[in-house]
Protein backbone atom coordinates (compact mmCIF):
# COMPACT_ATOMS: atom_id res chain seq x y z
CA UNK A 1 15.50 5.98 -20.59
CA UNK A 2 13.17 6.98 -17.75
CA UNK A 3 10.81 4.62 -15.95
CA UNK A 4 8.02 5.47 -13.53
CA UNK A 5 6.83 3.12 -10.80
CA UNK A 6 3.76 4.01 -8.78
CA UNK A 7 3.14 2.00 -5.62
CA UNK A 8 0.17 2.01 -3.27
CA UNK A 9 -0.81 0.30 -0.04
CA UNK A 10 -3.26 -2.46 0.80
CA UNK A 11 -6.17 -3.15 -1.55
CA UNK A 12 -9.03 -5.08 0.04
CA UNK A 13 -12.11 -5.65 -2.10
CA UNK A 14 -14.36 -7.33 0.46
CA UNK A 15 -16.01 -6.36 3.78
CA UNK A 16 -14.26 -6.40 7.13
CA UNK A 17 -16.26 -8.21 9.85
CA UNK A 18 -16.73 -4.82 11.54
CA UNK A 19 -18.23 -3.44 8.30
CA UNK A 20 -20.03 -6.53 7.08
CA UNK A 21 -22.91 -5.46 4.87
CA UNK A 22 -21.62 -1.91 4.39
CA UNK A 23 -17.89 -2.31 3.63
CA UNK A 24 -15.87 -2.16 0.42
CA UNK A 25 -17.43 -5.31 -1.05
CA UNK A 26 -20.94 -4.09 -0.36
CA UNK A 27 -20.21 -0.65 -1.85
CA UNK A 28 -18.73 -2.34 -4.92
CA UNK A 29 -21.83 -4.50 -5.25
CA UNK A 30 -24.06 -1.42 -4.94
CA UNK A 31 -22.27 0.91 -7.38
CA UNK A 32 -20.60 -1.60 -9.71
CA UNK A 33 -17.49 -1.41 -11.86
CA UNK A 34 -15.73 1.89 -12.37
CA UNK A 35 -16.63 3.35 -8.96
CA UNK A 36 -13.89 2.53 -6.43
CA UNK A 37 -10.85 3.86 -8.34
CA UNK A 38 -12.49 6.60 -10.41
CA UNK A 39 -10.81 9.45 -8.47
CA UNK A 40 -7.25 8.11 -8.80
CA UNK A 41 -7.10 6.83 -12.38
CA UNK A 42 -5.45 10.06 -13.56
CA UNK A 43 -2.93 9.93 -10.70
CA UNK A 44 -1.92 6.36 -11.59
CA UNK A 45 -1.88 6.82 -15.37
CA UNK A 46 1.28 7.18 -17.44
CA UNK A 47 3.28 4.79 -15.26
CA UNK A 48 5.31 1.84 -16.47
CA UNK A 49 4.60 -0.16 -13.30
CA UNK A 50 1.56 0.30 -11.05
CA UNK A 51 1.92 -1.85 -7.96
CA UNK A 52 -0.12 -2.63 -4.85
CA UNK A 53 -0.73 -5.32 -2.27
CA UNK A 54 -3.89 -7.38 -2.91
CA UNK A 55 -5.11 -8.08 0.63
CA UNK A 56 -7.85 -10.55 -0.30
CA UNK A 57 -8.82 -13.19 -2.83
CA UNK A 58 -11.03 -12.36 -5.80
CA UNK A 59 -13.09 -15.54 -5.84
CA UNK A 60 -16.73 -16.15 -4.94
CA UNK A 61 -17.74 -19.04 -2.64
CA UNK A 62 -18.55 -22.20 -4.59
CA UNK A 63 -21.79 -22.71 -2.64
CA UNK A 64 -24.45 -20.48 -1.08
CA UNK A 65 -23.46 -19.67 2.46
CA UNK A 66 -24.37 -17.32 5.30
CA UNK A 67 -21.34 -18.30 7.36
CA UNK A 68 -19.37 -15.06 7.85
CA UNK A 69 -15.84 -16.51 7.75
CA UNK A 70 -16.65 -17.70 4.20
CA UNK A 71 -17.68 -14.18 3.20
CA UNK A 72 -15.73 -11.40 4.88
CA UNK A 73 -12.39 -10.13 3.56
CA UNK A 74 -13.30 -11.68 0.23
CA UNK A 75 -13.56 -9.87 -3.09
CA UNK A 76 -15.45 -10.92 -6.20
CA UNK A 77 -13.85 -11.78 -9.53
CA UNK A 78 -15.46 -8.83 -11.36
CA UNK A 79 -13.29 -6.47 -9.28
CA UNK A 80 -10.46 -7.38 -11.68
CA UNK A 81 -11.98 -5.00 -14.25
CA UNK A 82 -11.49 -2.07 -11.88
CA UNK A 83 -7.88 -3.06 -11.19
CA UNK A 84 -7.26 -3.15 -14.94
CA UNK A 85 -8.90 0.20 -15.56
CA UNK A 86 -6.89 1.79 -12.75
CA UNK A 87 -3.70 0.62 -14.47
CA UNK A 88 -2.44 -2.01 -12.03
CA UNK A 89 -0.05 -4.42 -13.73
CA UNK A 90 1.73 -5.90 -10.66
CA UNK A 91 0.09 -7.06 -7.42
CA UNK A 92 1.57 -8.85 -4.43
CA UNK A 93 -0.28 -11.96 -3.25
CA UNK A 94 2.11 -12.68 -0.39
CA UNK A 95 0.20 -11.71 2.74
CA UNK A 96 -1.68 -13.16 5.70
CA UNK A 97 -5.09 -13.02 4.00
CA UNK A 98 -4.16 -14.73 0.72
CA UNK A 99 -5.05 -18.19 2.03
CA UNK A 100 -7.82 -17.14 4.42
CA UNK A 101 -10.42 -18.89 2.25
CA UNK A 102 -8.31 -21.88 1.27
CA UNK A 103 -6.08 -22.95 -1.57
CA UNK A 104 -8.64 -23.04 -4.41
CA UNK A 105 -9.73 -19.37 -4.12
CA UNK A 106 -6.04 -18.42 -3.89
CA UNK A 107 -5.25 -20.14 -7.19
CA UNK A 108 -8.46 -18.83 -8.76
CA UNK A 109 -7.18 -15.34 -7.95
CA UNK A 110 -3.75 -16.05 -9.44
CA UNK A 111 -5.35 -17.35 -12.66
CA UNK A 112 -7.64 -14.30 -12.81
CA UNK A 113 -4.72 -11.90 -12.45
CA UNK A 114 -2.64 -13.66 -15.11
CA UNK A 115 -5.59 -13.84 -17.51
CA UNK A 116 -6.01 -10.08 -17.15
CA UNK A 117 -2.29 -9.34 -17.64
CA UNK A 118 -1.61 -8.41 -14.02
CA UNK A 119 1.59 -10.00 -12.71
CA UNK A 120 1.14 -11.73 -9.32
CA UNK A 121 4.32 -11.56 -7.25
CA UNK A 122 5.14 -13.42 -4.07
CA UNK A 123 4.65 -17.04 -5.11
CA UNK A 124 6.98 -19.50 -3.46
CA UNK A 125 9.71 -20.84 -5.71
CA UNK A 126 9.48 -24.44 -6.87
CA UNK A 127 12.55 -26.29 -8.08
CA UNK A 128 14.49 -23.06 -8.54
CA UNK A 129 17.34 -21.24 -6.88
CA UNK A 130 14.95 -18.65 -5.49
CA UNK A 131 12.79 -18.92 -2.38
CA UNK A 132 10.36 -16.48 -4.01
CA UNK A 133 9.80 -16.85 -7.74
CA UNK A 134 11.11 -13.57 -9.19
CA UNK A 135 9.08 -11.60 -11.71
CA UNK A 136 11.02 -9.79 -14.43
CA UNK A 137 9.90 -6.68 -16.31
CA UNK A 138 12.02 -5.41 -19.22
CA UNK A 139 11.07 -1.81 -19.90
CA UNK A 140 12.96 0.86 -21.87
CA UNK A 141 16.16 -1.23 -21.79
CA UNK A 142 15.97 -1.44 -17.99
CA UNK A 143 15.36 -4.82 -16.38
CA UNK A 144 13.37 -4.72 -13.13
CA UNK A 145 13.21 -7.75 -10.87
CA UNK A 146 10.37 -8.03 -8.36
CA UNK A 147 10.16 -10.13 -5.20
CA UNK A 148 7.49 -10.28 -2.51
CA UNK A 149 7.40 -11.82 0.96
CA UNK A 150 5.18 -12.05 4.02
CA UNK A 151 6.82 -12.00 7.43
CA UNK A 152 3.46 -12.19 9.21
CA UNK A 153 2.55 -15.60 10.71
CA UNK A 154 -0.10 -17.54 8.77
CA UNK A 155 -3.28 -17.81 10.88
CA UNK A 156 -5.76 -19.51 8.57
CA UNK A 157 -4.09 -22.18 6.46
CA UNK A 158 -2.75 -25.29 8.19
CA UNK A 159 -0.55 -26.64 5.38
CA UNK A 160 2.61 -25.08 3.98
CA UNK A 161 1.85 -21.73 2.39
CA UNK A 162 1.88 -21.29 -1.38
CA UNK A 163 3.10 -17.72 -1.07
CA UNK A 164 6.61 -16.86 0.08
CA UNK A 165 6.92 -16.80 3.86
CA UNK A 166 10.69 -16.71 4.34
CA UNK A 167 13.47 -16.20 6.80
CA UNK A 168 15.48 -12.99 6.50
CA UNK A 169 18.32 -15.08 5.12
CA UNK A 170 16.04 -16.39 2.34
CA UNK A 171 15.26 -12.79 1.37
CA UNK A 172 18.89 -11.67 1.40
CA UNK A 173 19.94 -14.64 -0.75
CA UNK A 174 17.14 -13.98 -3.25
CA UNK A 175 18.04 -10.30 -3.52
CA UNK A 176 21.72 -11.05 -4.00
CA UNK A 177 21.00 -13.67 -6.69
CA UNK A 178 18.46 -11.53 -8.53
CA UNK A 179 20.68 -8.45 -8.56
CA UNK A 180 23.17 -10.40 -10.71
CA UNK A 181 20.49 -10.68 -13.42
CA UNK A 182 18.62 -7.35 -13.34
CA UNK A 183 19.24 -3.62 -13.08
CA UNK A 184 16.68 -2.75 -10.41
CA UNK A 185 15.41 -4.98 -7.58
CA UNK A 186 12.06 -4.08 -6.00
CA UNK A 187 11.03 -6.00 -2.88
CA UNK A 188 7.54 -6.00 -1.39
CA UNK A 189 7.38 -6.83 2.32
CA UNK A 190 4.30 -7.70 4.34
CA UNK A 191 5.62 -6.98 7.81
CA UNK A 192 5.51 -4.88 10.95
CA UNK A 193 2.95 -4.20 13.67
CA UNK A 194 -0.49 -2.83 12.96
CA UNK A 195 -1.55 0.81 13.45
CA UNK A 196 1.80 2.21 14.62
CA UNK A 197 3.29 5.00 12.51
CA UNK A 198 6.90 3.90 12.75
CA UNK A 199 8.91 0.77 11.91
CA UNK A 200 10.36 -1.48 14.57
CA UNK A 201 14.09 -1.86 15.10
CA UNK A 202 13.76 -5.29 13.44
CA UNK A 203 12.38 -3.64 10.29
CA UNK A 204 14.98 -0.87 10.17
CA UNK A 205 17.90 -3.24 10.70
CA UNK A 206 16.71 -5.76 8.12
CA UNK A 207 15.67 -3.13 5.58
CA UNK A 208 19.23 -1.82 5.63
CA UNK A 209 20.54 -5.37 5.23
CA UNK A 210 18.32 -5.86 2.17
CA UNK A 211 19.62 -2.68 0.57
CA UNK A 212 23.17 -3.81 1.34
CA UNK A 213 22.35 -7.14 -0.37
CA UNK A 214 21.36 -5.34 -3.59
CA UNK A 215 17.74 -4.14 -3.27
CA UNK A 216 16.95 -0.73 -4.76
CA UNK A 217 13.35 -0.27 -3.60
CA UNK A 218 11.55 -1.71 -0.57
CA UNK A 219 7.77 -1.34 -0.32
CA UNK A 220 6.12 -2.29 2.99
CA UNK A 221 2.52 -3.25 3.81
CA UNK A 222 0.43 -4.62 6.70
CA UNK A 223 0.45 -1.92 9.43
CA UNK A 224 -2.60 -0.24 7.76
CA UNK A 225 -1.10 3.18 8.46
CA UNK A 226 1.51 5.28 6.72
CA UNK A 227 5.03 4.96 8.06
CA UNK A 228 8.23 6.74 7.13
CA UNK A 229 10.12 6.71 3.84
CA UNK A 230 13.87 6.49 4.22
CA UNK A 231 16.56 7.14 1.64
CA UNK A 232 19.41 4.78 2.51
CA UNK A 233 22.49 4.66 0.29
CA UNK A 234 20.45 6.47 -2.40
CA UNK A 235 17.86 3.65 -2.31
CA UNK A 236 14.23 3.92 -1.19
CA UNK A 237 12.66 2.22 1.83
CA UNK A 238 8.91 2.81 2.27
CA UNK A 239 8.27 0.96 5.53
CA UNK A 240 4.47 0.98 5.12
CA UNK A 241 2.20 2.64 2.57
CA UNK A 242 -0.88 2.08 4.71
CA UNK A 243 -4.25 1.42 3.08
CA UNK A 244 -5.30 2.29 -0.46
CA UNK A 245 -8.74 0.61 -0.51
CA UNK A 246 -9.99 -0.63 2.85
CA UNK A 247 -13.07 -0.20 5.05
CA UNK A 248 -11.31 0.94 8.21
CA UNK A 249 -12.64 3.99 10.04
CA UNK A 250 -9.89 5.96 11.81
CA UNK A 251 -8.20 8.85 10.03
CA UNK A 252 -4.78 7.21 10.26
CA UNK A 253 -6.04 4.11 8.43
CA UNK A 254 -7.64 6.23 5.69
CA UNK A 255 -4.69 8.54 4.97
CA UNK A 256 -1.88 7.40 2.71
CA UNK A 257 0.04 8.20 -0.45
CA UNK A 258 0.70 7.05 -3.96
CA UNK A 259 4.47 6.65 -4.06
CA UNK A 260 5.84 7.88 -7.40
CA UNK A 261 9.34 6.45 -7.97
CA UNK A 262 11.56 7.69 -10.79
CA UNK A 263 14.22 5.55 -12.47
CA UNK A 264 16.67 6.97 -14.99
CA UNK A 265 19.68 5.37 -16.62
CA UNK A 266 18.99 2.17 -14.65
CA UNK A 267 19.19 3.97 -11.31
CA UNK A 268 16.64 5.16 -8.75
CA UNK A 269 16.85 8.95 -8.95
CA UNK A 270 14.07 10.05 -6.63
CA UNK A 271 10.48 9.84 -5.54
CA UNK A 272 7.42 11.98 -4.90
CA UNK A 273 4.43 11.44 -2.64
CA UNK A 274 0.85 11.99 -3.82
CA UNK A 275 -1.28 12.21 -0.64
CA UNK A 276 -4.65 10.43 -0.72
CA UNK A 277 -7.49 9.78 1.68
CA UNK A 278 -10.14 7.06 1.59
CA UNK A 279 -13.57 8.68 1.64
CA UNK A 280 -16.83 7.42 3.16
CA UNK A 281 -17.45 5.28 0.06
CA UNK A 282 -13.99 3.66 0.39
CA UNK A 283 -12.65 5.46 -2.66
CA UNK A 284 -9.05 6.71 -2.56
CA UNK A 285 -9.10 10.42 -3.39
CA UNK A 286 -6.07 12.68 -4.06
CA UNK A 287 -5.85 15.49 -1.53
CA UNK A 288 -5.18 19.19 -1.94
CA UNK A 289 -4.65 22.22 0.25
CA UNK A 290 -4.36 21.81 4.02
CA UNK A 291 -5.15 18.07 3.99
CA UNK A 292 -2.44 17.38 1.43
CA UNK A 293 0.12 19.43 3.35
CA UNK A 294 -0.77 17.63 6.59
CA UNK A 295 0.31 14.28 5.14
CA UNK A 296 3.43 15.74 3.53
CA UNK A 297 4.39 17.28 6.88
CA UNK A 298 3.81 13.92 8.56
CA UNK A 299 6.13 12.24 6.04
CA UNK A 300 8.78 14.90 6.66
CA UNK A 301 8.54 14.23 10.40
CA UNK A 302 8.86 10.47 9.87
CA UNK A 303 11.82 10.99 7.53
CA UNK A 304 13.59 13.20 10.08
CA UNK A 305 13.09 10.59 12.81
CA UNK A 306 14.50 7.84 10.57
CA UNK A 307 17.48 9.92 9.53
CA UNK A 308 18.26 10.68 13.18
CA UNK A 309 17.57 7.11 14.30
CA UNK A 310 19.42 5.98 17.41
CA UNK A 311 19.28 2.39 18.59
CA UNK A 312 19.51 3.32 22.29
CA UNK A 313 16.19 2.53 24.03
CA UNK A 314 14.39 2.48 20.66
CA UNK A 315 12.77 -0.93 21.15
CA UNK A 316 11.46 -0.06 24.63
CA UNK A 317 9.95 3.24 23.40
CA UNK A 318 8.50 1.45 20.38
CA UNK A 319 6.88 -1.27 22.51
CA UNK A 320 5.45 1.31 24.93
CA UNK A 321 3.90 3.24 22.05
CA UNK A 322 2.60 0.05 20.43
CA UNK A 323 0.80 -0.98 23.64
CA UNK A 324 -0.95 2.37 23.84
CA UNK A 325 -1.94 2.33 20.16
CA UNK A 326 -3.19 -1.27 20.33
CA UNK A 327 -5.39 -0.43 23.33
CA UNK A 328 -6.82 2.62 21.54
CA UNK A 329 -7.52 0.53 18.44
CA UNK A 330 -9.42 -2.10 20.47
CA UNK A 331 -11.54 0.62 22.06
CA UNK A 332 -12.12 2.21 18.66
CA UNK A 333 -13.27 -1.13 17.23
CA UNK A 334 -15.86 -1.68 19.96
CA UNK A 335 -17.13 1.90 19.56
CA UNK A 336 -17.38 1.33 15.81
CA UNK A 337 -19.46 -1.83 16.33
CA UNK A 338 -21.82 -0.08 18.73
CA UNK A 339 -22.15 3.03 16.56
CA UNK A 340 -23.03 0.94 13.50
CA UNK A 341 -25.02 -1.81 15.19
CA UNK A 342 -28.20 -0.84 13.34
CA UNK A 343 -26.47 -1.49 9.98
CA UNK A 344 -25.80 -5.19 10.64
CA UNK A 345 -28.17 -7.99 9.71
CA UNK A 346 -29.22 -9.88 12.90
CA UNK A 347 -27.54 -13.10 11.71
CA UNK A 348 -24.29 -11.14 11.24
CA UNK A 349 -24.41 -9.70 14.77
CA UNK A 350 -24.90 -13.15 16.30
CA UNK A 351 -22.07 -14.66 14.27
CA UNK A 352 -19.64 -11.78 14.90
CA UNK A 353 -20.03 -11.95 18.66
CA UNK A 354 -19.94 -15.75 18.57
CA UNK A 355 -16.68 -15.62 16.61
CA UNK A 356 -15.20 -13.09 19.04
CA UNK A 357 -15.97 -15.41 21.96
CA UNK A 358 -14.53 -18.44 20.13
CA UNK A 359 -11.41 -16.50 19.26
CA UNK A 360 -10.85 -15.61 22.90
CA UNK A 361 -11.34 -19.20 23.97
CA UNK A 362 -9.18 -20.76 21.23
CA UNK A 363 -6.69 -17.87 21.02
CA UNK A 364 -6.78 -17.89 17.22
CA UNK A 365 -8.76 -16.53 14.30
CA UNK A 366 -11.77 -18.49 13.09
CA UNK A 367 -12.45 -19.06 9.39
């Protein structure tokens, strides 16, 4: 029997600091339910599993506040209706923003997902043989096991994380153990460097190790841009699916795909890419014509580079490119602030610049 899995990138239902007052959360508040995903519902429909990375909590503050760190990168609970209507039934909660607002909003989000029949994956195992609690889906006589991990350092929460933040060995052991119990193992990975359109040598090496340990599908998040998709030993490695709903402003952070994975007779038999772009209202929209072909050509280029991968000098070239991209992104951020300065409430401007100064002094994120 055939099974279809559709996977997307990061879903963030709040406002970034750089878009506070006019980001995703503000657009959602303005237009209400049924707006954000309305252009992709048909593209996601008819799938057995619809998966994405939930890059925020869905939990309102418990008290009235104008303190920005309490408010940005934070979705509201009513956004769950849109996730349901779009067809999402599995979401990863293992990422560096899950605990940004503390433990209570994190668990409120988990309860909300479960109540609405969306499986949260990426919770740390408790009293079990698994570092990450596996989620099992039995569909059409095929058993799919799902795991999710964050390899990005936790910046907000001081205690031990409630999501799975493992070593590579933890991941390999989980995959090996789970493969004994299921037909297909899908692993979500929050990893990599931001804004660069290629994986690091660390990612490539460890992705191959995970496939060797028994994984069939690897889905990456966190870089906020699309990276290559590699077929390794007839298994699928999507190093980063970029953003699906996010209020970033560069073309690279708005262009991505819906990854359509086909399983038949308990084996991964192929995949297709459905190119999308986030529009000015932060809606993912399927592309056509020249824009669609541009992303497909980009994927073909990435795939060629991965298939012809050579370790020699790769890390040095990667680090050189990363430095250039990081500098460009910093410049782009400041230009974005200046261009949109008139959109910010005065109290937001004062807090944003105050937080930037504090971050530079303390060398860490505030909030």
